[in-house]
């Protein structure tokens, strides 16, 4: 599961970076399916970040 998440992040990362942000993978809980990330730069203060 972690590998799939990392691959997905690499697909969306250029769009985030184009807007002055980025994403950092913190944790993948394989039992619950919960993925924890940190949004960096402009993405960290974006109002939509709470819905990510």
C-alpha atoms as a PDB file:
ATOM      1  CA  UNK A   1       0.000   0.000   0.000  1.00  0.00           C
ATOM      2  CA  UNK A   2       2.806   2.432   0.860  1.00  0.00           C
ATOM      3  CA  UNK A   3       4.308   2.031  -2.605  1.00  0.00           C
ATOM      4  CA  UNK A   4       0.958   2.877  -4.229  1.00  0.00           C
ATOM      5  CA  UNK A   5       0.647   5.996  -2.077  1.00  0.00           C
ATOM      6  CA  UNK A   6       4.187   7.093  -2.956  1.00  0.00           C
ATOM      7  CA  UNK A   7       3.465   6.589  -6.669  1.00  0.00           C
ATOM      8  CA  UNK A   8       0.282   8.661  -6.397  1.00  0.00           C
ATOM      9  CA  UNK A   9       2.124  11.438  -4.580  1.00  0.00           C
ATOM     10  CA  UNK A  10       4.705  11.559  -7.371  1.00  0.00           C
ATOM     11  CA  UNK A  11       1.881  12.024  -9.892  1.00  0.00           C
ATOM     12  CA  UNK A  12       0.272  14.934  -8.022  1.00  0.00           C
ATOM     13  CA  UNK A  13       3.496  16.546  -6.730  1.00  0.00           C
ATOM     14  CA  UNK A  14       4.177  18.628  -9.892  1.00  0.00           C
ATOM     15  CA  UNK A  15       0.743  20.277  -9.625  1.00  0.00           C
ATOM     16  CA  UNK A  16       1.358  21.150  -5.977  1.00  0.00           C
ATOM     17  CA  UNK A  17       4.832  22.494  -6.731  1.00  0.00           C
ATOM     18  CA  UNK A  18       3.470  24.597  -9.588  1.00  0.00           C
ATOM     19  CA  UNK A  19       1.329  26.403  -6.999  1.00  0.00           C
ATOM     20  CA  UNK A  20       4.239  26.919  -4.596  1.00  0.00           C
ATOM     21  CA  UNK A  21       3.582  23.924  -2.388  1.00  0.00           C
ATOM     22  CA  UNK A  22       4.563  20.323  -1.847  1.00  0.00           C
ATOM     23  CA  UNK A  23       3.530  17.209   0.039  1.00  0.00           C
ATOM     24  CA  UNK A  24       5.416  15.007   2.477  1.00  0.00           C
ATOM     25  CA  UNK A  25       4.327  11.465   3.298  1.00  0.00           C
ATOM     26  CA  UNK A  26       4.388  10.882   7.054  1.00  0.00           C
ATOM     27  CA  UNK A  27       2.653   7.557   7.631  1.00  0.00           C
ATOM     28  CA  UNK A  28       0.664   4.821   5.943  1.00  0.00           C
ATOM     29  CA  UNK A  29      -1.385   2.660   8.304  1.00  0.00           C
ATOM     30  CA  UNK A  30      -1.933  -0.554   6.378  1.00  0.00           C
ATOM     31  CA  UNK A  31      -4.502  -1.796   8.914  1.00  0.00           C
ATOM     32  CA  UNK A  32      -6.838   1.209   8.857  1.00  0.00           C
ATOM     33  CA  UNK A  33      -5.939   2.533   5.409  1.00  0.00           C
ATOM     34  CA  UNK A  34      -5.250   5.980   6.859  1.00  0.00           C
ATOM     35  CA  UNK A  35      -2.546   7.974   5.096  1.00  0.00           C
ATOM     36  CA  UNK A  36      -0.975  10.916   6.919  1.00  0.00           C
ATOM     37  CA  UNK A  37       0.722  13.681   4.941  1.00  0.00           C
ATOM     38  CA  UNK A  38       2.036  17.166   5.587  1.00  0.00           C
ATOM     39  CA  UNK A  39       1.239  19.889   3.085  1.00  0.00           C
ATOM     40  CA  UNK A  40       4.145  22.299   2.697  1.00  0.00           C
ATOM     41  CA  UNK A  41       4.475  25.875   1.455  1.00  0.00           C
ATOM     42  CA  UNK A  42       1.429  27.455  -0.135  1.00  0.00           C
ATOM     43  CA  UNK A  43      -0.453  24.164   0.176  1.00  0.00           C
ATOM     44  CA  UNK A  44      -0.092  24.221   3.965  1.00  0.00           C
ATOM     45  CA  UNK A  45      -2.045  27.462   4.284  1.00  0.00           C
ATOM     46  CA  UNK A  46      -4.591  26.828   1.536  1.00  0.00           C
ATOM     47  CA  UNK A  47      -8.200  26.766   2.799  1.00  0.00           C
ATOM     48  CA  UNK A  48      -8.751  23.505   0.880  1.00  0.00           C
ATOM     49  CA  UNK A  49      -5.934  21.777   2.805  1.00  0.00           C
ATOM     50  CA  UNK A  50      -8.356  20.686   5.530  1.00  0.00           C
ATOM     51  CA  UNK A  51     -10.300  18.677   2.947  1.00  0.00           C
ATOM     52  CA  UNK A  52      -7.256  16.826   1.647  1.00  0.00           C
END
